[in-house]
N, C-alpha and C. Protein backbone atom coordinates (compact mmCIF):
# COMPACT_ATOMS: atom_id res chain seq x y z
N MET A 1 -29.14 -13.74 -13.58
CA MET A 1 -29.55 -12.69 -14.03
C MET A 1 -28.73 -11.46 -13.75
N ASP A 2 -28.32 -10.67 -14.57
CA ASP A 2 -27.55 -9.51 -14.63
C ASP A 2 -27.90 -8.79 -13.27
N PRO A 3 -27.16 -8.76 -12.42
CA PRO A 3 -26.95 -7.54 -11.31
C PRO A 3 -27.01 -6.10 -11.55
N SER A 4 -26.73 -5.69 -12.71
CA SER A 4 -26.56 -4.35 -13.13
C SER A 4 -28.09 -4.04 -13.69
N ASP A 5 -28.75 -4.97 -13.82
CA ASP A 5 -30.50 -4.82 -14.56
C ASP A 5 -31.19 -3.54 -13.97
N PRO A 6 -31.37 -2.90 -14.11
CA PRO A 6 -32.37 -1.80 -13.02
C PRO A 6 -33.66 -2.44 -12.93
N SER A 7 -33.93 -3.23 -13.60
CA SER A 7 -35.38 -4.05 -13.40
C SER A 7 -35.49 -5.09 -11.98
N ARG A 8 -34.39 -4.95 -11.25
CA ARG A 8 -34.13 -6.09 -10.71
C ARG A 8 -34.76 -5.66 -9.23
N ALA A 9 -35.19 -4.49 -9.09
CA ALA A 9 -35.78 -3.75 -7.87
C ALA A 9 -36.93 -2.46 -8.47
N ALA A 10 -37.94 -2.19 -8.09
CA ALA A 10 -38.29 -1.02 -8.13
C ALA A 10 -37.87 0.33 -7.95
N ALA A 11 -38.08 1.34 -9.17
CA ALA A 11 -37.45 2.19 -9.05
C ALA A 11 -38.97 3.56 -9.94
N PRO A 12 -38.40 4.69 -9.33
CA PRO A 12 -39.19 5.64 -9.83
C PRO A 12 -39.09 5.63 -11.47
N ALA A 13 -40.24 6.04 -12.25
CA ALA A 13 -39.97 6.12 -13.49
C ALA A 13 -38.96 7.14 -13.97
N ALA A 14 -38.54 7.00 -15.10
CA ALA A 14 -37.38 7.71 -15.88
C ALA A 14 -38.17 9.18 -16.11
N PRO A 15 -37.35 9.97 -15.95
CA PRO A 15 -37.53 11.18 -16.27
C PRO A 15 -37.62 11.28 -17.69
N THR A 16 -38.61 12.40 -18.00
CA THR A 16 -38.31 12.49 -19.72
C THR A 16 -37.41 13.34 -20.33
N ARG A 17 -36.56 12.82 -21.00
CA ARG A 17 -35.72 13.48 -21.66
C ARG A 17 -36.14 14.10 -22.94
N ARG A 18 -35.02 15.33 -23.36
CA ARG A 18 -35.38 15.80 -24.38
C ARG A 18 -35.32 14.89 -25.71
N ARG A 19 -35.63 15.33 -26.63
CA ARG A 19 -35.94 14.24 -27.96
C ARG A 19 -34.17 14.51 -28.32
N ASN A 20 -34.33 13.22 -28.75
CA ASN A 20 -32.66 12.77 -29.27
C ASN A 20 -31.69 13.05 -28.02
N GLN A 21 -31.76 13.24 -27.11
CA GLN A 21 -30.80 13.22 -26.06
C GLN A 21 -30.92 11.82 -25.29
N ALA A 22 -30.26 10.74 -25.65
CA ALA A 22 -30.32 9.75 -25.44
C ALA A 22 -29.48 9.50 -24.15
N ALA A 23 -29.60 8.54 -23.43
CA ALA A 23 -28.89 8.60 -22.29
C ALA A 23 -27.71 7.39 -22.64
N PRO A 24 -26.39 8.03 -21.82
CA PRO A 24 -25.50 7.59 -22.03
C PRO A 24 -25.40 5.95 -21.59
N PRO A 25 -24.59 4.88 -22.37
CA PRO A 25 -24.43 3.42 -21.79
C PRO A 25 -24.10 3.30 -20.45
N ARG A 26 -24.75 2.53 -19.76
CA ARG A 26 -24.17 2.27 -18.15
C ARG A 26 -22.57 2.17 -18.32
N GLU A 27 -22.13 1.45 -19.16
CA GLU A 27 -20.67 1.12 -19.01
C GLU A 27 -20.12 2.76 -18.90
N GLU A 28 -20.52 3.65 -19.44
CA GLU A 28 -19.81 4.91 -19.75
C GLU A 28 -20.04 5.70 -18.31
N LEU A 29 -21.36 5.53 -17.81
CA LEU A 29 -21.61 6.02 -16.54
C LEU A 29 -20.44 5.58 -15.17
N LEU A 30 -20.48 4.10 -15.14
CA LEU A 30 -20.00 3.15 -14.57
C LEU A 30 -18.05 4.12 -14.55
N ALA A 31 -17.64 4.05 -15.59
CA ALA A 31 -16.26 4.77 -16.13
C ALA A 31 -16.00 5.99 -15.66
N ALA A 32 -17.15 6.94 -15.85
CA ALA A 32 -17.21 8.41 -15.21
C ALA A 32 -16.80 7.91 -14.21
N ALA A 33 -17.88 7.22 -13.01
CA ALA A 33 -17.77 7.33 -11.37
C ALA A 33 -16.52 7.13 -10.92
N MET A 34 -15.95 6.11 -11.79
CA MET A 34 -14.50 5.48 -11.23
C MET A 34 -13.51 6.43 -11.26
N GLY A 35 -13.68 7.14 -12.99
CA GLY A 35 -12.56 8.01 -13.06
C GLY A 35 -12.47 9.35 -12.24
N THR A 36 -13.80 9.79 -11.64
CA THR A 36 -14.15 10.43 -10.39
C THR A 36 -13.37 10.10 -9.06
N ILE A 37 -13.78 9.06 -8.60
CA ILE A 37 -12.73 8.40 -7.90
C ILE A 37 -11.66 8.52 -7.68
N ALA A 38 -11.06 8.51 -9.24
CA ALA A 38 -9.46 7.90 -9.06
C ALA A 38 -8.99 9.62 -9.10
N GLU A 39 -9.86 10.47 -9.44
CA GLU A 39 -9.07 11.92 -9.58
C GLU A 39 -9.65 12.68 -8.48
N ARG A 40 -10.79 12.35 -7.69
CA ARG A 40 -10.85 13.48 -6.72
C ARG A 40 -11.26 12.82 -5.33
N GLY A 41 -11.23 11.27 -5.26
CA GLY A 41 -11.84 10.29 -4.46
C GLY A 41 -13.29 10.46 -4.33
N LEU A 42 -13.54 9.83 -2.95
CA LEU A 42 -15.03 9.30 -2.88
C LEU A 42 -15.83 10.74 -2.51
N ASP A 43 -15.24 11.64 -2.12
CA ASP A 43 -15.74 12.70 -1.77
C ASP A 43 -16.34 13.23 -2.63
N GLY A 44 -15.61 13.50 -3.99
CA GLY A 44 -15.87 13.99 -4.76
C GLY A 44 -16.98 13.46 -5.77
N LEU A 45 -17.50 12.55 -5.71
CA LEU A 45 -18.62 11.37 -6.14
C LEU A 45 -19.78 11.70 -5.83
N THR A 46 -20.58 12.65 -6.28
CA THR A 46 -21.99 12.84 -6.12
C THR A 46 -22.85 12.66 -7.19
N MET A 47 -24.21 12.39 -6.85
CA MET A 47 -24.98 11.97 -8.27
C MET A 47 -25.04 13.75 -9.07
N ALA A 48 -25.20 14.49 -8.41
CA ALA A 48 -25.58 15.72 -8.87
C ALA A 48 -24.08 15.88 -9.89
N GLY A 49 -23.04 15.97 -9.68
CA GLY A 49 -21.62 15.92 -10.38
C GLY A 49 -21.64 14.93 -11.35
N LEU A 50 -21.75 13.62 -11.03
CA LEU A 50 -21.48 12.92 -12.27
C LEU A 50 -22.87 13.06 -13.15
N GLY A 51 -24.08 13.57 -12.69
CA GLY A 51 -24.98 13.65 -13.61
C GLY A 51 -23.75 14.80 -14.67
N ARG A 52 -23.84 15.91 -14.18
CA ARG A 52 -23.29 16.99 -15.07
C ARG A 52 -22.03 16.48 -16.19
N GLN A 53 -21.22 15.33 -15.38
CA GLN A 53 -20.14 15.18 -16.27
C GLN A 53 -20.55 13.73 -17.61
N VAL A 54 -21.70 13.45 -16.97
CA VAL A 54 -22.20 13.01 -18.61
C VAL A 54 -23.65 13.01 -18.77
N GLY A 55 -24.00 14.46 -18.62
CA GLY A 55 -25.14 15.22 -19.37
C GLY A 55 -26.45 14.38 -18.79
N MET A 56 -26.72 13.96 -17.65
CA MET A 56 -27.64 13.73 -17.02
C MET A 56 -28.28 14.00 -15.98
N SER A 57 -29.56 14.15 -15.71
CA SER A 57 -29.86 14.76 -14.34
C SER A 57 -29.79 13.91 -13.23
N SER A 58 -29.98 14.36 -11.97
CA SER A 58 -29.71 13.62 -10.85
C SER A 58 -30.89 12.52 -11.13
N GLY A 59 -32.03 13.00 -11.66
CA GLY A 59 -33.14 12.26 -11.51
C GLY A 59 -32.99 10.99 -12.19
N HIS A 60 -32.32 11.58 -13.71
CA HIS A 60 -32.44 10.00 -14.39
C HIS A 60 -31.17 8.84 -13.96
N LEU A 61 -30.30 9.51 -13.13
CA LEU A 61 -29.31 8.59 -12.40
C LEU A 61 -29.94 7.89 -11.33
N LEU A 62 -30.77 8.62 -10.75
CA LEU A 62 -31.74 7.58 -9.56
C LEU A 62 -32.22 6.43 -10.27
N TYR A 63 -32.83 6.87 -11.75
CA TYR A 63 -33.61 6.15 -11.83
C TYR A 63 -32.94 4.64 -12.17
N TYR A 64 -31.68 4.93 -12.88
CA TYR A 64 -30.38 3.80 -13.03
C TYR A 64 -30.04 3.07 -11.76
N PHE A 65 -30.15 3.81 -10.99
CA PHE A 65 -29.12 3.47 -9.70
C PHE A 65 -29.66 3.68 -8.30
N ARG A 66 -30.98 4.16 -8.04
CA ARG A 66 -31.81 4.30 -7.13
C ARG A 66 -31.24 4.93 -5.85
N THR A 67 -29.87 4.61 -5.74
CA THR A 67 -29.11 5.25 -4.01
C THR A 67 -27.73 5.57 -4.85
N LYS A 68 -26.86 5.79 -3.87
CA LYS A 68 -25.46 6.19 -3.94
C LYS A 68 -24.88 4.77 -3.40
N ASP A 69 -25.47 4.06 -2.89
CA ASP A 69 -25.19 2.95 -2.05
C ASP A 69 -24.85 1.95 -3.68
N GLU A 70 -25.88 2.07 -4.10
CA GLU A 70 -25.92 0.78 -5.52
C GLU A 70 -25.23 1.40 -6.52
N LEU A 71 -25.12 2.85 -6.75
CA LEU A 71 -24.07 3.23 -8.14
C LEU A 71 -22.57 2.95 -7.39
N LEU A 72 -22.04 2.83 -6.01
CA LEU A 72 -21.17 2.67 -5.48
C LEU A 72 -20.74 0.74 -6.15
N LEU A 73 -22.00 0.04 -5.37
CA LEU A 73 -21.76 -1.16 -5.53
C LEU A 73 -21.61 -1.71 -7.26
N GLN A 74 -22.10 -1.22 -7.94
CA GLN A 74 -22.28 -1.22 -9.38
C GLN A 74 -20.78 -0.90 -9.74
N THR A 75 -20.39 -0.02 -9.66
CA THR A 75 -19.24 0.76 -10.08
C THR A 75 -18.25 -0.30 -9.62
N LEU A 76 -18.11 -0.79 -8.46
CA LEU A 76 -17.08 -1.78 -8.03
C LEU A 76 -17.16 -2.84 -8.84
N GLU A 77 -18.81 -3.42 -9.19
CA GLU A 77 -18.87 -4.82 -9.99
C GLU A 77 -18.13 -4.78 -11.07
N TRP A 78 -18.34 -3.65 -11.80
CA TRP A 78 -17.77 -3.32 -12.97
C TRP A 78 -16.18 -3.23 -13.24
N SER A 79 -15.61 -2.25 -12.21
CA SER A 79 -14.08 -2.29 -12.08
C SER A 79 -13.17 -3.94 -11.76
N GLU A 80 -14.43 -4.62 -10.99
CA GLU A 80 -14.03 -6.09 -10.81
C GLU A 80 -14.18 -6.77 -11.78
N GLY A 81 -15.04 -6.47 -12.85
CA GLY A 81 -15.03 -7.37 -14.12
C GLY A 81 -13.67 -7.29 -14.76
N ARG A 82 -13.15 -6.04 -14.62
CA ARG A 82 -12.18 -5.84 -15.23
C ARG A 82 -10.94 -6.48 -14.77
N LEU A 83 -10.64 -6.37 -13.53
CA LEU A 83 -9.50 -7.29 -12.87
C LEU A 83 -9.76 -8.49 -13.04
N GLY A 84 -11.51 -9.31 -12.87
CA GLY A 84 -11.79 -10.46 -13.44
C GLY A 84 -10.98 -11.21 -15.12
N ALA A 85 -10.90 -10.12 -15.95
CA ALA A 85 -10.27 -10.38 -17.34
C ALA A 85 -9.12 -10.72 -17.24
N ARG A 86 -7.96 -9.79 -15.95
CA ARG A 86 -6.65 -9.89 -16.21
C ARG A 86 -6.51 -11.34 -15.32
N ARG A 87 -7.43 -11.59 -14.66
CA ARG A 87 -7.17 -13.08 -13.49
C ARG A 87 -7.20 -13.90 -14.69
N SER A 88 -8.06 -14.00 -15.59
CA SER A 88 -8.84 -14.99 -16.37
C SER A 88 -7.11 -15.33 -17.32
N ALA A 89 -6.97 -14.12 -17.72
CA ALA A 89 -5.66 -14.11 -18.63
C ALA A 89 -4.62 -14.63 -18.18
N LEU A 90 -4.23 -14.86 -16.77
CA LEU A 90 -3.10 -15.14 -16.21
C LEU A 90 -3.27 -16.46 -15.91
N LEU A 91 -4.46 -16.98 -15.76
CA LEU A 91 -4.72 -18.50 -15.38
C LEU A 91 -4.53 -18.99 -16.75
N SER A 92 -4.79 -18.27 -17.92
CA SER A 92 -4.65 -19.50 -19.07
C SER A 92 -3.38 -19.15 -19.64
N ARG A 93 -2.32 -18.64 -19.26
CA ARG A 93 -1.31 -18.28 -20.20
C ARG A 93 -0.38 -19.62 -19.56
N PRO A 94 0.71 -19.65 -20.29
CA PRO A 94 1.61 -21.03 -20.12
C PRO A 94 2.64 -20.12 -19.04
N GLY A 95 3.15 -21.56 -18.39
CA GLY A 95 3.76 -21.38 -17.34
C GLY A 95 3.56 -22.11 -16.15
N THR A 96 4.36 -21.68 -15.04
CA THR A 96 4.19 -22.77 -13.70
C THR A 96 3.39 -22.22 -12.78
N ALA A 97 2.89 -22.89 -12.11
CA ALA A 97 1.52 -22.39 -10.98
C ALA A 97 2.32 -21.43 -10.25
N ARG A 98 3.71 -21.20 -9.93
CA ARG A 98 4.32 -20.50 -9.03
C ARG A 98 4.18 -18.88 -10.09
N GLU A 99 4.51 -18.89 -11.42
CA GLU A 99 4.27 -17.76 -12.08
C GLU A 99 2.97 -17.16 -11.85
N ARG A 100 1.49 -18.24 -12.32
CA ARG A 100 0.37 -17.55 -11.77
C ARG A 100 0.14 -17.02 -10.59
N LEU A 101 0.62 -17.74 -9.66
CA LEU A 101 0.46 -17.24 -8.28
C LEU A 101 0.95 -15.75 -8.13
N ASP A 102 2.07 -15.65 -8.54
CA ASP A 102 3.08 -14.47 -8.44
C ASP A 102 1.89 -13.15 -9.40
N GLY A 103 1.45 -13.75 -10.33
CA GLY A 103 0.41 -12.83 -11.05
C GLY A 103 -0.57 -12.76 -10.47
N TYR A 104 -1.58 -13.36 -9.77
CA TYR A 104 -2.49 -13.39 -9.01
C TYR A 104 -2.11 -12.24 -7.98
N VAL A 105 -1.26 -12.51 -7.03
CA VAL A 105 -0.70 -11.40 -6.34
C VAL A 105 -0.55 -10.20 -6.40
N ASP A 106 -0.03 -10.02 -7.57
CA ASP A 106 0.55 -8.61 -8.38
C ASP A 106 -1.32 -7.90 -9.07
N VAL A 107 -1.79 -8.89 -9.00
CA VAL A 107 -3.23 -8.17 -9.84
C VAL A 107 -4.22 -7.73 -8.37
N TYR A 108 -3.86 -8.20 -7.43
CA TYR A 108 -4.78 -8.60 -6.02
C TYR A 108 -4.31 -7.28 -5.13
N VAL A 109 -3.10 -6.83 -5.07
CA VAL A 109 -1.90 -5.80 -4.10
C VAL A 109 -2.63 -4.41 -4.85
N PRO A 110 -2.67 -3.44 -4.25
CA PRO A 110 -2.89 -2.33 -4.62
C PRO A 110 -1.80 -1.65 -5.13
N GLU A 111 -2.03 -0.59 -6.54
CA GLU A 111 -1.05 -0.19 -6.97
C GLU A 111 -0.02 0.88 -5.89
N GLY A 112 -0.94 1.46 -5.11
CA GLY A 112 -0.33 2.34 -4.10
C GLY A 112 -1.12 3.35 -3.09
N PRO A 113 -0.90 4.05 -2.55
CA PRO A 113 -2.22 4.89 -1.89
C PRO A 113 -3.13 5.39 -2.42
N ARG A 114 -4.28 5.36 -2.22
CA ARG A 114 -5.49 6.01 -2.62
C ARG A 114 -5.67 5.16 -4.19
N ASP A 115 -5.17 4.06 -4.04
CA ASP A 115 -5.64 3.08 -5.20
C ASP A 115 -7.11 3.00 -5.37
N PRO A 116 -7.86 3.78 -6.63
CA PRO A 116 -9.11 4.05 -6.81
C PRO A 116 -10.18 2.56 -6.41
N HIS A 117 -9.63 1.62 -6.68
CA HIS A 117 -10.48 0.19 -6.84
C HIS A 117 -10.40 0.02 -5.20
N TRP A 118 -9.31 -0.12 -4.76
CA TRP A 118 -9.79 -0.35 -3.11
C TRP A 118 -10.03 0.46 -2.59
N ILE A 119 -10.18 1.81 -2.67
CA ILE A 119 -10.54 2.93 -2.15
C ILE A 119 -12.32 2.53 -2.38
N LEU A 120 -12.55 2.56 -3.32
CA LEU A 120 -14.06 2.16 -3.39
C LEU A 120 -14.91 0.55 -2.68
N TRP A 121 -13.80 -0.31 -2.93
CA TRP A 121 -13.95 -1.36 -1.92
C TRP A 121 -14.18 -1.27 -0.60
N LEU A 122 -12.83 -0.41 0.04
CA LEU A 122 -13.25 -0.17 1.37
C LEU A 122 -14.58 0.26 1.92
N GLU A 123 -15.05 1.74 0.95
CA GLU A 123 -16.33 2.30 1.30
C GLU A 123 -17.63 1.64 0.90
N VAL A 124 -17.54 0.31 0.44
CA VAL A 124 -18.47 -0.82 0.04
C VAL A 124 -18.60 -1.65 1.25
N TRP A 125 -17.27 -2.25 1.46
CA TRP A 125 -17.14 -2.90 2.94
C TRP A 125 -17.73 -1.94 3.90
N ASN A 126 -17.38 -0.79 4.21
CA ASN A 126 -17.87 -0.11 5.05
C ASN A 126 -19.27 -0.02 5.36
N ARG A 127 -20.05 0.47 4.18
CA ARG A 127 -21.54 0.65 4.20
C ARG A 127 -22.25 -0.88 4.33
N SER A 128 -21.67 -2.07 4.03
CA SER A 128 -21.96 -3.14 3.79
C SER A 128 -22.91 -3.54 5.42
N GLN A 129 -22.79 -3.18 6.43
CA GLN A 129 -23.48 -3.30 7.68
C GLN A 129 -24.72 -2.86 7.51
N ASN A 130 -24.86 -1.93 7.24
CA ASN A 130 -26.50 -1.80 6.75
C ASN A 130 -26.74 -1.75 5.21
N ALA A 131 -26.20 -3.28 4.50
CA ALA A 131 -26.88 -3.36 2.93
C ALA A 131 -28.14 -4.45 3.17
N ASP A 132 -28.57 -4.79 2.23
CA ASP A 132 -29.33 -5.52 2.18
C ASP A 132 -29.09 -7.07 1.34
N ALA A 133 -29.82 -7.46 1.66
CA ALA A 133 -29.49 -9.23 1.20
C ALA A 133 -28.78 -9.33 -0.13
N ASP A 134 -29.42 -8.21 -0.94
CA ASP A 134 -29.38 -8.65 -2.24
C ASP A 134 -27.85 -8.05 -2.79
N ALA A 135 -27.30 -6.96 -2.01
CA ALA A 135 -26.24 -6.67 -2.03
C ALA A 135 -25.13 -7.26 -1.41
N ARG A 136 -25.62 -7.55 -0.21
CA ARG A 136 -24.31 -8.52 0.11
C ARG A 136 -24.18 -9.98 -0.47
N ILE A 137 -25.34 -10.57 -1.09
CA ILE A 137 -24.98 -11.41 -2.16
C ILE A 137 -23.99 -11.13 -3.39
N ARG A 138 -24.16 -10.27 -3.55
CA ARG A 138 -23.25 -9.38 -4.71
C ARG A 138 -22.12 -9.30 -4.57
N GLN A 139 -21.94 -8.86 -3.49
CA GLN A 139 -20.55 -8.58 -2.63
C GLN A 139 -20.07 -9.85 -2.44
N ALA A 140 -20.46 -10.96 -2.04
CA ALA A 140 -20.04 -12.50 -1.55
C ALA A 140 -19.60 -12.99 -2.94
N ALA A 141 -20.21 -12.85 -4.41
CA ALA A 141 -20.06 -13.20 -5.56
C ALA A 141 -18.54 -12.50 -5.89
N ILE A 142 -18.10 -11.39 -5.54
CA ILE A 142 -16.78 -10.83 -6.23
C ILE A 142 -15.97 -11.46 -4.90
N GLU A 143 -16.02 -11.53 -3.82
CA GLU A 143 -15.26 -12.51 -3.04
C GLU A 143 -14.99 -13.79 -3.99
N GLY A 144 -15.99 -14.24 -4.05
CA GLY A 144 -15.75 -15.84 -4.30
C GLY A 144 -15.22 -16.26 -5.75
N ALA A 145 -15.19 -15.22 -6.40
CA ALA A 145 -14.47 -15.18 -7.73
C ALA A 145 -13.15 -15.11 -7.33
N TRP A 146 -12.86 -14.38 -6.45
CA TRP A 146 -11.11 -14.26 -6.10
C TRP A 146 -10.71 -15.63 -5.83
N HIS A 147 -11.90 -16.15 -4.88
CA HIS A 147 -11.19 -17.25 -3.89
C HIS A 147 -11.26 -18.46 -4.89
N ARG A 148 -12.17 -18.45 -5.76
CA ARG A 148 -12.22 -19.64 -6.60
C ARG A 148 -10.59 -20.07 -7.52
N ASP A 149 -10.62 -18.57 -7.98
CA ASP A 149 -9.04 -18.45 -8.90
C ASP A 149 -7.98 -19.02 -7.94
N LEU A 150 -7.93 -18.66 -6.90
CA LEU A 150 -6.64 -18.89 -5.94
C LEU A 150 -6.66 -20.28 -5.91
N VAL A 151 -7.64 -20.89 -5.61
CA VAL A 151 -7.80 -22.20 -4.93
C VAL A 151 -7.38 -23.22 -6.43
N ALA A 152 -7.76 -22.60 -7.52
CA ALA A 152 -7.44 -23.60 -8.92
C ALA A 152 -5.75 -23.32 -9.26
N ILE A 153 -5.33 -22.26 -8.62
CA ILE A 153 -3.77 -22.15 -8.91
C ILE A 153 -2.91 -22.85 -8.04
N LEU A 154 -3.53 -22.79 -6.90
CA LEU A 154 -2.76 -23.74 -5.52
C LEU A 154 -2.97 -25.34 -6.12
N ALA A 155 -4.74 -25.59 -6.33
CA ALA A 155 -4.80 -27.00 -6.71
C ALA A 155 -3.84 -27.39 -7.58
N GLU A 156 -3.48 -26.31 -8.83
CA GLU A 156 -2.53 -27.18 -9.78
C GLU A 156 -1.41 -27.12 -9.44
N GLY A 157 -0.64 -26.21 -8.72
CA GLY A 157 0.38 -26.57 -8.06
C GLY A 157 0.69 -27.82 -7.03
N VAL A 158 -0.16 -27.92 -6.17
CA VAL A 158 -0.12 -28.91 -5.34
C VAL A 158 -0.18 -30.44 -6.36
N SER A 159 -0.89 -30.30 -7.58
CA SER A 159 -0.97 -31.66 -8.32
C SER A 159 0.36 -31.63 -9.08
N ARG A 160 1.10 -30.73 -9.64
CA ARG A 160 2.23 -30.74 -10.14
C ARG A 160 3.33 -30.77 -9.09
N GLY A 161 3.49 -30.94 -8.08
CA GLY A 161 4.31 -31.13 -7.10
C GLY A 161 4.97 -30.16 -6.85
N GLU A 162 4.46 -28.91 -7.36
CA GLU A 162 5.22 -27.74 -7.23
C GLU A 162 5.07 -27.23 -5.55
N PHE A 163 4.06 -27.24 -5.02
CA PHE A 163 3.62 -26.93 -3.98
C PHE A 163 3.53 -28.28 -2.92
N ARG A 164 3.73 -27.86 -1.89
CA ARG A 164 3.44 -28.41 -0.91
C ARG A 164 2.02 -29.21 -0.90
N ALA A 165 1.49 -30.27 -0.28
CA ALA A 165 0.46 -31.00 -0.48
C ALA A 165 -0.55 -30.09 0.87
N VAL A 166 -0.89 -28.85 0.42
CA VAL A 166 -1.49 -28.25 1.46
C VAL A 166 -3.23 -28.67 0.94
N ASP A 167 -4.34 -28.04 1.77
CA ASP A 167 -5.74 -28.20 1.22
C ASP A 167 -5.63 -26.76 0.83
N PRO A 168 -6.13 -26.83 -0.77
CA PRO A 168 -6.31 -25.68 -1.30
C PRO A 168 -7.12 -24.36 -1.01
N ASP A 169 -8.32 -24.89 -0.79
CA ASP A 169 -9.41 -24.12 -0.13
C ASP A 169 -9.30 -23.53 1.31
N ARG A 170 -8.56 -24.00 2.29
CA ARG A 170 -8.11 -23.34 3.33
C ARG A 170 -6.77 -22.72 3.42
N PHE A 171 -5.98 -22.88 2.51
CA PHE A 171 -4.82 -22.22 2.28
C PHE A 171 -5.05 -20.79 1.56
N ALA A 172 -5.92 -21.11 0.71
CA ALA A 172 -6.61 -19.78 0.03
C ALA A 172 -7.03 -18.95 0.59
N THR A 173 -7.85 -19.34 1.97
CA THR A 173 -9.01 -18.31 2.83
C THR A 173 -7.82 -17.84 3.78
N ARG A 174 -6.30 -18.41 4.03
CA ARG A 174 -5.54 -17.64 4.56
C ARG A 174 -4.59 -16.71 4.15
N THR A 175 -4.50 -17.33 2.52
CA THR A 175 -3.75 -16.51 1.79
C THR A 175 -4.40 -15.01 1.87
N ARG A 176 -5.68 -15.36 1.42
CA ARG A 176 -6.42 -13.75 1.05
C ARG A 176 -6.40 -13.16 2.30
N ALA A 177 -6.37 -13.55 3.18
CA ALA A 177 -6.65 -12.60 4.86
C ALA A 177 -5.40 -12.13 4.99
N LEU A 178 -4.23 -12.59 4.54
CA LEU A 178 -2.97 -12.27 4.52
C LEU A 178 -3.11 -10.79 3.43
N LEU A 179 -3.59 -11.28 2.28
CA LEU A 179 -3.53 -10.11 1.15
C LEU A 179 -4.52 -9.16 1.15
N ASP A 180 -5.68 -9.22 1.79
CA ASP A 180 -6.44 -8.18 2.32
C ASP A 180 -5.90 -7.20 3.65
N GLY A 181 -5.26 -7.90 4.44
CA GLY A 181 -4.80 -7.05 5.27
C GLY A 181 -3.71 -5.80 5.10
N PHE A 182 -2.72 -6.80 4.38
CA PHE A 182 -1.35 -5.70 3.61
C PHE A 182 -1.98 -4.75 2.78
N SER A 183 -2.91 -5.28 1.84
CA SER A 183 -3.76 -4.48 1.16
C SER A 183 -4.32 -3.25 1.37
N VAL A 184 -5.08 -3.22 2.62
CA VAL A 184 -5.92 -2.22 3.08
C VAL A 184 -4.56 -1.06 3.34
N HIS A 185 -3.65 -1.78 4.30
CA HIS A 185 -2.23 -0.64 4.63
C HIS A 185 -2.03 0.12 3.52
N VAL A 186 -1.56 -0.63 2.27
CA VAL A 186 -1.12 -0.18 1.32
C VAL A 186 -1.77 1.09 0.82
N ALA A 187 -3.12 0.79 0.48
CA ALA A 187 -4.17 1.57 0.33
C ALA A 187 -4.63 2.73 0.93
N VAL A 188 -4.41 2.43 2.30
CA VAL A 188 -4.22 3.92 2.98
C VAL A 188 -3.32 4.35 3.49
N GLY A 189 -2.18 3.93 3.08
CA GLY A 189 -0.61 4.67 3.23
C GLY A 189 -0.25 4.22 4.46
N VAL A 190 -0.38 3.25 5.42
CA VAL A 190 0.50 3.18 6.45
C VAL A 190 1.86 3.02 6.23
N PRO A 191 2.52 3.82 7.09
CA PRO A 191 4.18 3.90 6.59
C PRO A 191 4.53 2.50 6.97
N GLY A 192 5.12 2.30 6.02
CA GLY A 192 6.24 1.13 5.91
C GLY A 192 5.59 -0.14 5.30
N THR A 193 4.57 -0.15 5.05
CA THR A 193 4.20 -0.93 4.03
C THR A 193 3.59 -0.80 2.67
N GLY A 194 4.51 -0.31 2.03
CA GLY A 194 4.36 0.03 0.52
C GLY A 194 4.04 -1.30 -0.38
N ARG A 195 3.60 -1.01 -1.76
CA ARG A 195 3.12 -2.03 -2.58
C ARG A 195 4.92 -2.81 -2.36
N GLU A 196 5.90 -2.24 -2.66
CA GLU A 196 7.11 -3.16 -2.50
C GLU A 196 7.27 -4.37 -1.76
N GLN A 197 7.21 -4.01 -0.37
CA GLN A 197 7.32 -4.29 0.75
C GLN A 197 6.34 -5.59 1.31
N VAL A 198 5.34 -4.97 0.65
CA VAL A 198 4.23 -6.14 0.86
C VAL A 198 4.22 -6.86 -0.02
N LEU A 199 4.60 -7.22 -1.26
CA LEU A 199 5.12 -8.01 -2.11
C LEU A 199 6.03 -8.99 -1.89
N ALA A 200 7.13 -8.05 -1.09
CA ALA A 200 7.94 -9.04 -0.49
C ALA A 200 7.61 -9.88 0.46
N HIS A 201 6.87 -9.57 1.71
CA HIS A 201 6.04 -10.28 2.68
C HIS A 201 5.80 -11.20 2.11
N VAL A 202 4.86 -10.99 1.31
CA VAL A 202 3.85 -12.16 0.58
C VAL A 202 4.54 -13.39 0.10
N GLY A 203 5.90 -12.49 -1.04
CA GLY A 203 6.63 -13.65 -1.21
C GLY A 203 7.65 -14.76 -0.35
N GLU A 204 7.70 -14.04 0.49
CA GLU A 204 8.28 -14.77 1.89
C GLU A 204 7.50 -15.67 2.27
N PHE A 205 6.40 -15.64 2.77
CA PHE A 205 5.14 -16.47 3.27
C PHE A 205 4.94 -17.44 1.91
N ILE A 206 5.05 -17.22 0.60
CA ILE A 206 4.79 -18.18 -0.19
C ILE A 206 6.13 -19.67 0.18
N GLU A 207 7.10 -18.70 -0.19
CA GLU A 207 8.30 -19.55 0.09
C GLU A 207 8.58 -20.32 1.53
N GLN A 208 8.22 -19.77 2.58
CA GLN A 208 8.00 -20.49 3.53
C GLN A 208 7.05 -21.68 3.80
N ASP A 209 5.75 -21.34 3.34
CA ASP A 209 4.69 -22.27 3.95
C ASP A 209 3.90 -23.05 2.73
N LEU A 210 4.71 -22.83 1.47
CA LEU A 210 3.82 -23.54 0.06
C LEU A 210 5.13 -24.06 -0.45
N LEU A 211 5.76 -23.57 -0.72
CA LEU A 211 6.66 -24.17 -2.01
C LEU A 211 7.39 -25.75 -1.34
N ALA A 212 7.59 -26.37 -2.25
CA ALA A 212 7.57 -28.09 -1.95
C ALA A 212 9.14 -27.77 -1.22
N ARG A 213 9.26 -28.72 -0.38
CA ARG A 213 10.43 -29.04 0.21
C ARG A 213 11.56 -30.16 -0.63
N PRO A 214 12.69 -29.63 -0.81
CA PRO A 214 13.85 -30.87 -1.26
C PRO A 214 13.89 -31.96 -1.03
């Protein structure tokens, strides 16, 4: 079932729109929301402001998203779909497992402070303590996709003898915890943890704990 389908939950009837005034495609709405976050941060994203940007009323946006929490989660799912395509491309390209692992880390770590994808992730995480079961399942699905791709890279490296004989699932769990911690620091701009410094730390971790010994 499509998690972005508005029929998943009860919603108010769509307001009547003027003749020939079609609603923009859902992807256009989500891209506009992400663009607003990138330009003005989360505080700049409101239903009224987004409605003005795409030529829709706040009531019509509520027909699509019900709440701002749902808008944020669907925007995150849309952004994750784009990142997922990048991960799939790096997993399918020729090269070593180490090269694919480096590519995975490069996609994972924020571009810098206030990276819009990570700022959105942090907000969704923050709101998840009050989220319903459906939202939690969808958040877990996002996490699961990242985890499965990392496990696949690690399993490939172990089978080829590039990596030590680690348990791919357990090692992936620890690696993602490391990446999450560093990524939060990058996204919020903690001094001393810029993107290049984080990539160096992660590279050192891989060298010490994963690469096969001579």
